[in-house]
């Protein structure tokens, strides 16, 4: 599963971008597709698992890519 987050930089037009890629089981994928698992709750699946993280904050020359572990936040911001 891949979670992409972008924060719009209205001033400098250098949007911060973050991506988390977490392997999930077939059953978890089925639950996501069927609506039994909310997309906002998938970060909790990271508990006890490793995930690939790419962080590219505003102003950075290139992204930082690394392995992370544990739960991570997934939120919708308007």
PDB file of N, CA and C in Angstrom:
ATOM      1  N   UNK A   1       0.834  -1.121   0.000  1.00  0.00           N
ATOM      2  CA  UNK A   1       0.000   0.000   0.000  1.00  0.00           C
ATOM      3  C   UNK A   1       0.904   1.215   0.000  1.00  0.00           C
ATOM      4  N   UNK A   2       0.491   2.251  -0.724  1.00  0.00           N
ATOM      5  CA  UNK A   2       1.270   3.475  -0.803  1.00  0.00           C
ATOM      6  C   UNK A   2       0.414   4.654  -0.351  1.00  0.00           C
ATOM      7  N   UNK A   3       0.973   5.472   0.536  1.00  0.00           N
ATOM      8  CA  UNK A   3       0.297   6.672   1.013  1.00  0.00           C
ATOM      9  C   UNK A   3       1.141   7.872   0.583  1.00  0.00           C
ATOM     10  N   UNK A   4       0.545   8.772  -0.186  1.00  0.00           N
ATOM     11  CA  UNK A   4       1.231   9.969  -0.663  1.00  0.00           C
ATOM     12  C   UNK A   4       0.610  11.194  -0.016  1.00  0.00           C
ATOM     13  N   UNK A   5       1.459  12.071   0.513  1.00  0.00           N
ATOM     14  CA  UNK A   5       1.001  13.308   1.136  1.00  0.00           C
ATOM     15  C   UNK A   5       1.774  14.470   0.527  1.00  0.00           C
ATOM     16  N   UNK A   6       1.049  15.521   0.184  1.00  0.00           N
ATOM     17  CA  UNK A   6       1.684  16.716  -0.355  1.00  0.00           C
ATOM     18  C   UNK A   6       1.116  17.937   0.364  1.00  0.00           C
ATOM     19  N   UNK A   7       2.006  18.810   0.808  1.00  0.00           N
ATOM     20  CA  UNK A   7       1.611  20.058   1.439  1.00  0.00           C
ATOM     21  C   UNK A   7       1.914  21.188   0.465  1.00  0.00           C
ATOM     22  N   UNK A   8       0.892  21.895   0.054  1.00  0.00           N
ATOM     23  CA  UNK A   8       1.049  22.949  -0.939  1.00  0.00           C
ATOM     24  C   UNK A   8       1.748  24.149  -0.312  1.00  0.00           C
ATOM     25  N   UNK A   9       2.799  24.599  -0.972  1.00  0.00           N
ATOM     26  CA  UNK A   9       3.539  25.788  -0.565  1.00  0.00           C
ATOM     27  C   UNK A   9       3.066  26.932  -1.444  1.00  0.00           C
ATOM     28  N   UNK A  10       2.120  27.707  -0.937  1.00  0.00           N
ATOM     29  CA  UNK A  10       1.510  28.776  -1.721  1.00  0.00           C
ATOM     30  C   UNK A  10       2.462  29.944  -1.961  1.00  0.00           C
ATOM     31  N   UNK A  11       3.527  30.036  -1.193  1.00  0.00           N
ATOM     32  CA  UNK A  11       4.450  31.167  -1.305  1.00  0.00           C
ATOM     33  C   UNK A  11       5.587  30.866  -2.278  1.00  0.00           C
ATOM     34  N   UNK A  12       6.330  29.790  -2.038  1.00  0.00           N
ATOM     35  CA  UNK A  12       7.530  29.494  -2.830  1.00  0.00           C
ATOM     36  C   UNK A  12       7.300  28.421  -3.898  1.00  0.00           C
ATOM     37  N   UNK A  13       6.119  27.826  -3.914  1.00  0.00           N
ATOM     38  CA  UNK A  13       5.783  26.774  -4.888  1.00  0.00           C
ATOM     39  C   UNK A  13       6.723  25.576  -4.828  1.00  0.00           C
ATOM     40  N   UNK A  14       7.199  25.272  -3.635  1.00  0.00           N
ATOM     41  CA  UNK A  14       8.024  24.086  -3.431  1.00  0.00           C
ATOM     42  C   UNK A  14       7.278  23.149  -2.489  1.00  0.00           C
ATOM     43  N   UNK A  15       6.293  22.449  -3.035  1.00  0.00           N
ATOM     44  CA  UNK A  15       5.436  21.597  -2.222  1.00  0.00           C
ATOM     45  C   UNK A  15       6.238  20.472  -1.561  1.00  0.00           C
ATOM     46  N   UNK A  16       6.038  20.308  -0.265  1.00  0.00           N
ATOM     47  CA  UNK A  16       6.632  19.188   0.450  1.00  0.00           C
ATOM     48  C   UNK A  16       5.879  17.918   0.063  1.00  0.00           C
ATOM     49  N   UNK A  17       6.626  16.836  -0.186  1.00  0.00           N
ATOM     50  CA  UNK A  17       6.014  15.573  -0.606  1.00  0.00           C
ATOM     51  C   UNK A  17       6.563  14.431   0.246  1.00  0.00           C
ATOM     52  N   UNK A  18       5.652  13.580   0.683  1.00  0.00           N
ATOM     53  CA  UNK A  18       6.009  12.445   1.523  1.00  0.00           C
ATOM     54  C   UNK A  18       5.285  11.206   1.003  1.00  0.00           C
ATOM     55  N   UNK A  19       5.998  10.087   0.981  1.00  0.00           N
ATOM     56  CA  UNK A  19       5.391   8.830   0.535  1.00  0.00           C
ATOM     57  C   UNK A  19       5.823   7.719   1.484  1.00  0.00           C
ATOM     58  N   UNK A  20       4.848   6.900   1.859  1.00  0.00           N
ATOM     59  CA  UNK A  20       5.102   5.719   2.678  1.00  0.00           C
ATOM     60  C   UNK A  20       4.588   4.511   1.914  1.00  0.00           C
ATOM     61  N   UNK A  21       5.441   3.484   1.786  1.00  0.00           N
ATOM     62  CA  UNK A  21       5.049   2.246   1.114  1.00  0.00           C
ATOM     63  C   UNK A  21       5.132   1.132   2.155  1.00  0.00           C
ATOM     64  N   UNK A  22       3.995   0.492   2.395  1.00  0.00           N
ATOM     65  CA  UNK A  22       3.886  -0.546   3.413  1.00  0.00           C
ATOM     66  C   UNK A  22       3.355  -1.830   2.780  1.00  0.00           C
ATOM     67  N   UNK A  23       4.109  -2.918   2.883  1.00  0.00           N
ATOM     68  CA  UNK A  23       3.565  -4.197   2.396  1.00  0.00           C
ATOM     69  C   UNK A  23       2.370  -4.613   3.256  1.00  0.00           C
ATOM     70  N   UNK A  24       1.309  -5.067   2.609  1.00  0.00           N
ATOM     71  CA  UNK A  24       0.136  -5.553   3.341  1.00  0.00           C
ATOM     72  C   UNK A  24      -0.217  -6.948   2.848  1.00  0.00           C
ATOM     73  N   UNK A  25      -0.986  -7.652   3.651  1.00  0.00           N
ATOM     74  CA  UNK A  25      -1.402  -9.002   3.297  1.00  0.00           C
ATOM     75  C   UNK A  25      -2.571  -8.949   2.311  1.00  0.00           C
ATOM     76  N   UNK A  26      -2.844 -10.076   1.684  1.00  0.00           N
ATOM     77  CA  UNK A  26      -4.008 -10.160   0.792  1.00  0.00           C
ATOM     78  C   UNK A  26      -5.304  -9.872   1.556  1.00  0.00           C
ATOM     79  N   UNK A  27      -5.392 -10.368   2.786  1.00  0.00           N
ATOM     80  CA  UNK A  27      -6.604 -10.141   3.589  1.00  0.00           C
ATOM     81  C   UNK A  27      -6.772  -8.648   3.902  1.00  0.00           C
ATOM     82  N   UNK A  28      -5.680  -7.961   4.202  1.00  0.00           N
ATOM     83  CA  UNK A  28      -5.756  -6.527   4.472  1.00  0.00           C
ATOM     84  C   UNK A  28      -6.153  -5.752   3.217  1.00  0.00           C
ATOM     85  N   UNK A  29      -5.616  -6.173   2.084  1.00  0.00           N
ATOM     86  CA  UNK A  29      -6.001  -5.533   0.813  1.00  0.00           C
ATOM     87  C   UNK A  29      -7.483  -5.747   0.543  1.00  0.00           C
ATOM     88  N   UNK A  30      -7.972  -6.961   0.793  1.00  0.00           N
ATOM     89  CA  UNK A  30      -9.399  -7.252   0.614  1.00  0.00           C
ATOM     90  C   UNK A  30     -10.252  -6.364   1.519  1.00  0.00           C
ATOM     91  N   UNK A  31      -9.812  -6.189   2.771  1.00  0.00           N
ATOM     92  CA  UNK A  31     -10.552  -5.342   3.717  1.00  0.00           C
ATOM     93  C   UNK A  31     -10.576  -3.886   3.249  1.00  0.00           C
ATOM     94  N   UNK A  32      -9.468  -3.415   2.704  1.00  0.00           N
ATOM     95  CA  UNK A  32      -9.420  -2.049   2.172  1.00  0.00           C
ATOM     96  C   UNK A  32     -10.387  -1.882   1.014  1.00  0.00           C
ATOM     97  N   UNK A  33     -10.339  -2.814   0.092  1.00  0.00           N
ATOM     98  CA  UNK A  33     -11.189  -2.754  -1.104  1.00  0.00           C
ATOM     99  C   UNK A  33     -12.669  -2.841  -0.727  1.00  0.00           C
ATOM    100  N   UNK A  34     -12.977  -3.701   0.239  1.00  0.00           N
ATOM    101  CA  UNK A  34     -14.371  -3.905   0.639  1.00  0.00           C
ATOM    102  C   UNK A  34     -14.886  -2.800   1.561  1.00  0.00           C
ATOM    103  N   UNK A  35     -14.005  -1.911   2.007  1.00  0.00           N
ATOM    104  CA  UNK A  35     -14.433  -0.839   2.892  1.00  0.00           C
ATOM    105  C   UNK A  35     -14.482  -1.226   4.358  1.00  0.00           C
ATOM    106  N   UNK A  36     -13.970  -2.407   4.695  1.00  0.00           N
ATOM    107  CA  UNK A  36     -13.943  -2.829   6.103  1.00  0.00           C
ATOM    108  C   UNK A  36     -12.758  -2.209   6.841  1.00  0.00           C
ATOM    109  N   UNK A  37     -11.793  -1.689   6.092  1.00  0.00           N
ATOM    110  CA  UNK A  37     -10.643  -1.010   6.674  1.00  0.00           C
ATOM    111  C   UNK A  37     -10.592   0.395   6.086  1.00  0.00           C
ATOM    112  N   UNK A  38     -10.735   1.375   6.947  1.00  0.00           N
ATOM    113  CA  UNK A  38     -10.705   2.765   6.503  1.00  0.00           C
ATOM    114  C   UNK A  38      -9.297   3.140   6.056  1.00  0.00           C
ATOM    115  N   UNK A  39      -9.164   3.877   4.938  1.00  0.00           N
ATOM    116  CA  UNK A  39      -7.839   4.346   4.514  1.00  0.00           C
ATOM    117  C   UNK A  39      -7.134   5.167   5.606  1.00  0.00           C
ATOM    118  N   UNK A  40      -7.904   5.820   6.463  1.00  0.00           N
ATOM    119  CA  UNK A  40      -7.315   6.616   7.527  1.00  0.00           C
ATOM    120  C   UNK A  40      -6.757   5.767   8.664  1.00  0.00           C
ATOM    121  N   UNK A  41      -7.042   4.483   8.657  1.00  0.00           N
ATOM    122  CA  UNK A  41      -6.573   3.578   9.716  1.00  0.00           C
ATOM    123  C   UNK A  41      -5.414   2.692   9.264  1.00  0.00           C
ATOM    124  N   UNK A  42      -5.012   2.781   8.001  1.00  0.00           N
ATOM    125  CA  UNK A  42      -3.964   1.877   7.510  1.00  0.00           C
ATOM    126  C   UNK A  42      -2.613   2.145   8.165  1.00  0.00           C
ATOM    127  N   UNK A  43      -2.376   3.349   8.649  1.00  0.00           N
ATOM    128  CA  UNK A  43      -1.112   3.637   9.321  1.00  0.00           C
ATOM    129  C   UNK A  43      -0.885   2.758  10.535  1.00  0.00           C
ATOM    130  N   UNK A  44      -1.969   2.334  11.173  1.00  0.00           N
ATOM    131  CA  UNK A  44      -1.854   1.448  12.334  1.00  0.00           C
ATOM    132  C   UNK A  44      -1.300   0.081  11.940  1.00  0.00           C
ATOM    133  N   UNK A  45      -1.455  -0.301  10.668  1.00  0.00           N
ATOM    134  CA  UNK A  45      -0.909  -1.584  10.209  1.00  0.00           C
ATOM    135  C   UNK A  45       0.610  -1.601  10.267  1.00  0.00           C
ATOM    136  N   UNK A  46       1.229  -0.427  10.319  1.00  0.00           N
ATOM    137  CA  UNK A  46       2.678  -0.359  10.388  1.00  0.00           C
ATOM    138  C   UNK A  46       3.265  -0.834  11.705  1.00  0.00           C
ATOM    139  N   UNK A  47       2.423  -0.961  12.739  1.00  0.00           N
ATOM    140  CA  UNK A  47       2.905  -1.413  14.044  1.00  0.00           C
ATOM    141  C   UNK A  47       3.606  -2.760  13.891  1.00  0.00           C
ATOM    142  N   UNK A  48       4.879  -2.807  14.243  1.00  0.00           N
ATOM    143  CA  UNK A  48       5.636  -4.064  14.165  1.00  0.00           C
ATOM    144  C   UNK A  48       6.133  -4.404  12.773  1.00  0.00           C
ATOM    145  N   UNK A  49       5.992  -3.492  11.810  1.00  0.00           N
ATOM    146  CA  UNK A  49       6.429  -3.744  10.435  1.00  0.00           C
ATOM    147  C   UNK A  49       7.347  -2.628   9.958  1.00  0.00           C
ATOM    148  N   UNK A  50       8.142  -2.968   8.969  1.00  0.00           N
ATOM    149  CA  UNK A  50       8.972  -1.955   8.319  1.00  0.00           C
ATOM    150  C   UNK A  50       8.227  -1.396   7.116  1.00  0.00           C
ATOM    151  N   UNK A  51       8.502  -0.134   6.803  1.00  0.00           N
ATOM    152  CA  UNK A  51       7.920   0.484   5.622  1.00  0.00           C
ATOM    153  C   UNK A  51       8.977   1.391   4.987  1.00  0.00           C
ATOM    154  N   UNK A  52       8.864   1.576   3.697  1.00  0.00           N
ATOM    155  CA  UNK A  52       9.780   2.435   2.967  1.00  0.00           C
ATOM    156  C   UNK A  52       9.230   3.852   2.989  1.00  0.00           C
ATOM    157  N   UNK A  53      10.074   4.802   3.360  1.00  0.00           N
ATOM    158  CA  UNK A  53       9.655   6.184   3.514  1.00  0.00           C
ATOM    159  C   UNK A  53      10.471   7.083   2.594  1.00  0.00           C
ATOM    160  N   UNK A  54       9.798   7.998   1.914  1.00  0.00           N
ATOM    161  CA  UNK A  54      10.453   9.015   1.108  1.00  0.00           C
ATOM    162  C   UNK A  54       9.954  10.370   1.582  1.00  0.00           C
ATOM    163  N   UNK A  55      10.872  11.197   2.074  1.00  0.00           N
ATOM    164  CA  UNK A  55      10.526  12.529   2.566  1.00  0.00           C
ATOM    165  C   UNK A  55      11.228  13.564   1.692  1.00  0.00           C
ATOM    166  N   UNK A  56      10.459  14.490   1.130  1.00  0.00           N
ATOM    167  CA  UNK A  56      11.022  15.556   0.320  1.00  0.00           C
ATOM    168  C   UNK A  56      10.409  16.878   0.787  1.00  0.00           C
ATOM    169  N   UNK A  57      10.946  17.429   1.886  1.00  0.00           N
ATOM    170  CA  UNK A  57      10.379  18.672   2.412  1.00  0.00           C
ATOM    171  C   UNK A  57      10.663  19.850   1.494  1.00  0.00           C
ATOM    172  N   UNK A  58       9.904  20.909   1.668  1.00  0.00           N
ATOM    173  CA  UNK A  58      10.105  22.135   0.896  1.00  0.00           C
ATOM    174  C   UNK A  58      11.554  22.601   1.043  1.00  0.00           C
ATOM    175  N   UNK A  59      12.144  23.000  -0.064  1.00  0.00           N
ATOM    176  CA  UNK A  59      13.492  23.533  -0.049  1.00  0.00           C
ATOM    177  C   UNK A  59      14.598  22.499  -0.125  1.00  0.00           C
ATOM    178  N   UNK A  60      14.276  21.208   0.001  1.00  0.00           N
ATOM    179  CA  UNK A  60      15.309  20.174  -0.073  1.00  0.00           C
ATOM    180  C   UNK A  60      15.715  19.944  -1.524  1.00  0.00           C
ATOM    181  N   UNK A  61      16.990  19.665  -1.740  1.00  0.00           N
ATOM    182  CA  UNK A  61      17.511  19.403  -3.083  1.00  0.00           C
ATOM    183  C   UNK A  61      16.993  18.077  -3.643  1.00  0.00           C
ATOM    184  N   UNK A  62      16.833  17.091  -2.764  1.00  0.00           N
ATOM    185  CA  UNK A  62      16.369  15.767  -3.181  1.00  0.00           C
ATOM    186  C   UNK A  62      15.694  15.095  -1.997  1.00  0.00           C
ATOM    187  N   UNK A  63      14.954  14.030  -2.274  1.00  0.00           N
ATOM    188  CA  UNK A  63      14.261  13.356  -1.171  1.00  0.00           C
ATOM    189  C   UNK A  63      15.215  12.521  -0.328  1.00  0.00           C
ATOM    190  N   UNK A  64      14.809  12.281   0.888  1.00  0.00           N
ATOM    191  CA  UNK A  64      15.486  11.358   1.786  1.00  0.00           C
ATOM    192  C   UNK A  64      14.672  10.065   1.743  1.00  0.00           C
ATOM    193  N   UNK A  65      15.320   8.951   1.419  1.00  0.00           N
ATOM    194  CA  UNK A  65      14.623   7.668   1.324  1.00  0.00           C
ATOM    195  C   UNK A  65      15.246   6.715   2.341  1.00  0.00           C
ATOM    196  N   UNK A  66      14.394   6.102   3.157  1.00  0.00           N
ATOM    197  CA  UNK A  66      14.909   5.246   4.224  1.00  0.00           C
ATOM    198  C   UNK A  66      13.835   4.249   4.663  1.00  0.00           C
ATOM    199  N   UNK A  67      14.285   3.228   5.386  1.00  0.00           N
ATOM    200  CA  UNK A  67      13.361   2.268   5.979  1.00  0.00           C
ATOM    201  C   UNK A  67      12.948   2.784   7.352  1.00  0.00           C
ATOM    202  N   UNK A  68      11.655   2.787   7.591  1.00  0.00           N
ATOM    203  CA  UNK A  68      11.113   3.157   8.888  1.00  0.00           C
ATOM    204  C   UNK A  68      10.378   1.968   9.475  1.00  0.00           C
ATOM    205  N   UNK A  69       9.877   2.120  10.671  1.00  0.00           N
ATOM    206  CA  UNK A  69       9.080   1.047  11.276  1.00  0.00           C
ATOM    207  C   UNK A  69       8.058   1.670  12.211  1.00  0.00           C
ATOM    208  N   UNK A  70       7.039   0.895  12.480  1.00  0.00           N
ATOM    209  CA  UNK A  70       6.001   1.342  13.400  1.00  0.00           C
ATOM    210  C   UNK A  70       4.831   2.006  12.698  1.00  0.00           C
ATOM    211  N   UNK A  71       3.830   2.304  13.495  1.00  0.00           N
ATOM    212  CA  UNK A  71       2.613   2.949  12.990  1.00  0.00           C
ATOM    213  C   UNK A  71       2.960   4.348  12.485  1.00  0.00           C
ATOM    214  N   UNK A  72       2.186   4.835  11.537  1.00  0.00           N
ATOM    215  CA  UNK A  72       2.375   6.183  11.013  1.00  0.00           C
ATOM    216  C   UNK A  72       1.014   6.819  10.798  1.00  0.00           C
ATOM    217  N   UNK A  73       0.986   8.126  10.823  1.00  0.00           N
ATOM    218  CA  UNK A  73      -0.275   8.855  10.697  1.00  0.00           C
ATOM    219  C   UNK A  73      -0.747   8.965   9.262  1.00  0.00           C
ATOM    220  N   UNK A  74      -2.031   8.821   9.066  1.00  0.00           N
ATOM    221  CA  UNK A  74      -2.680   9.058   7.775  1.00  0.00           C
ATOM    222  C   UNK A  74      -3.852   9.968   8.060  1.00  0.00           C
ATOM    223  N   UNK A  75      -3.802  11.153   7.475  1.00  0.00           N
ATOM    224  CA  UNK A  75      -4.896  12.089   7.714  1.00  0.00           C
ATOM    225  C   UNK A  75      -5.204  12.858   6.442  1.00  0.00           C
ATOM    226  N   UNK A  76      -6.418  13.315   6.378  1.00  0.00           N
ATOM    227  CA  UNK A  76      -6.877  14.105   5.242  1.00  0.00           C
ATOM    228  C   UNK A  76      -6.946  15.548   5.708  1.00  0.00           C
ATOM    229  N   UNK A  77      -6.283  16.423   4.968  1.00  0.00           N
ATOM    230  CA  UNK A  77      -6.245  17.832   5.333  1.00  0.00           C
ATOM    231  C   UNK A  77      -6.747  18.645   4.154  1.00  0.00           C
ATOM    232  N   UNK A  78      -7.608  19.579   4.439  1.00  0.00           N
ATOM    233  CA  UNK A  78      -8.120  20.452   3.382  1.00  0.00           C
ATOM    234  C   UNK A  78      -7.650  21.853   3.616  1.00  0.00           C
TER     235      UNK A  78
END
